């Protein structure tokens, strides 16, 4: 295409770009009295989250309070860390 940007959800993605990352609100969920919450079935299916899947919980703080909580599939987190540390380790060795 001609490289123009197009809107998809809350994201701006270059037309024809592959592997573009996108952040959007998928759903609103409730926390019950025991602190449990349910991820919607469609979201679990699209994310490949099954019974026994491991998720890492990451948070961001602003002014001493947690303002953002995100879930990352544990295997994706491992790959991100390897991608960041791999080149550094190779350079050291």
Protein backbone atom coordinates (compact mmCIF):
# COMPACT_ATOMS: atom_id res chain seq x y z
CA UNK A 1 0.00 0.00 0.00
CA UNK A 2 1.02 3.64 0.14
CA UNK A 3 2.26 3.62 3.77
CA UNK A 4 -0.73 5.58 5.13
CA UNK A 5 -1.74 4.90 8.72
CA UNK A 6 -5.07 3.26 9.48
CA UNK A 7 -6.93 3.06 12.78
CA UNK A 8 -7.49 -0.36 14.35
CA UNK A 9 -8.98 -0.16 17.83
CA UNK A 10 -6.85 2.29 19.77
CA UNK A 11 -3.79 1.65 17.60
CA UNK A 12 -2.18 3.31 14.66
CA UNK A 13 -0.65 0.72 12.35
CA UNK A 14 1.18 1.31 9.08
CA UNK A 15 -0.75 -0.27 6.23
CA UNK A 16 0.89 -3.49 5.12
CA UNK A 17 3.01 -3.71 8.29
CA UNK A 18 3.34 -7.22 9.68
CA UNK A 19 3.73 -8.17 13.30
CA UNK A 20 2.51 -4.78 14.53
CA UNK A 21 1.80 -4.64 18.25
CA UNK A 22 -1.49 -3.26 19.44
CA UNK A 23 -2.86 -2.41 22.88
CA UNK A 24 -6.61 -2.20 23.38
CA UNK A 25 -9.26 -2.75 26.03
CA UNK A 26 -10.54 -6.29 25.48
CA UNK A 27 -13.20 -6.39 28.20
CA UNK A 28 -14.20 -5.17 31.62
CA UNK A 29 -14.11 -7.88 34.30
CA UNK A 30 -15.14 -7.98 37.96
CA UNK A 31 -13.21 -9.18 40.99
CA UNK A 32 -15.26 -11.29 43.41
CA UNK A 33 -15.07 -11.26 47.21
CA UNK A 34 -12.28 -13.87 47.12
CA UNK A 35 -10.17 -11.75 44.75
CA UNK A 36 -10.85 -14.01 41.77
CA UNK A 37 -11.66 -12.86 38.26
CA UNK A 38 -12.59 -14.63 35.04
CA UNK A 39 -11.00 -13.93 31.67
CA UNK A 40 -13.68 -14.16 28.96
CA UNK A 41 -13.63 -17.42 26.98
CA UNK A 42 -13.10 -15.68 23.60
CA UNK A 43 -10.07 -13.81 24.98
CA UNK A 44 -8.59 -17.01 26.49
CA UNK A 45 -9.06 -18.82 23.18
CA UNK A 46 -7.48 -16.01 21.11
CA UNK A 47 -4.56 -15.78 23.55
CA UNK A 48 -4.06 -19.54 23.74
CA UNK A 49 -4.62 -19.55 27.51
CA UNK A 50 -5.75 -22.94 28.79
CA UNK A 51 -6.11 -24.63 32.17
CA UNK A 52 -2.61 -24.77 33.65
CA UNK A 53 -1.25 -21.87 31.57
CA UNK A 54 1.24 -19.72 33.47
CA UNK A 55 0.80 -15.95 33.44
CA UNK A 56 3.22 -13.39 34.87
CA UNK A 57 1.64 -10.37 36.57
CA UNK A 58 3.44 -7.07 35.92
CA UNK A 59 2.50 -3.73 37.44
CA UNK A 60 3.42 -0.07 37.05
CA UNK A 61 3.46 2.45 39.88
CA UNK A 62 2.70 6.16 39.73
CA UNK A 63 2.93 8.39 42.78
CA UNK A 64 3.33 5.35 45.05
CA UNK A 65 0.19 3.59 43.81
CA UNK A 66 -0.20 0.78 41.31
CA UNK A 67 -1.91 2.29 38.28
CA UNK A 68 -1.64 -0.53 35.75
CA UNK A 69 -1.64 -4.33 36.00
CA UNK A 70 -0.98 -6.55 32.98
CA UNK A 71 -0.79 -10.29 32.36
CA UNK A 72 1.96 -11.75 30.18
CA UNK A 73 2.14 -15.39 29.12
CA UNK A 74 5.14 -16.77 31.01
CA UNK A 75 6.75 -18.23 27.89
CA UNK A 76 6.46 -14.85 26.14
CA UNK A 77 8.12 -13.15 29.10
CA UNK A 78 10.98 -15.67 28.96
CA UNK A 79 11.48 -14.92 25.25
CA UNK A 80 11.43 -11.15 25.91
CA UNK A 81 14.07 -11.49 28.62
CA UNK A 82 16.22 -13.76 26.43
CA UNK A 83 15.93 -11.25 23.59
CA UNK A 84 17.13 -8.43 25.83
CA UNK A 85 19.82 -10.31 27.75
CA UNK A 86 21.07 -12.60 24.96
CA UNK A 87 23.06 -9.92 23.10
CA UNK A 88 24.46 -8.56 26.37
CA UNK A 89 25.63 -12.00 27.51
CA UNK A 90 27.20 -12.69 24.10
CA UNK A 91 29.07 -9.38 24.29
CA UNK A 92 30.37 -10.19 27.79
CA UNK A 93 31.51 -13.67 26.80
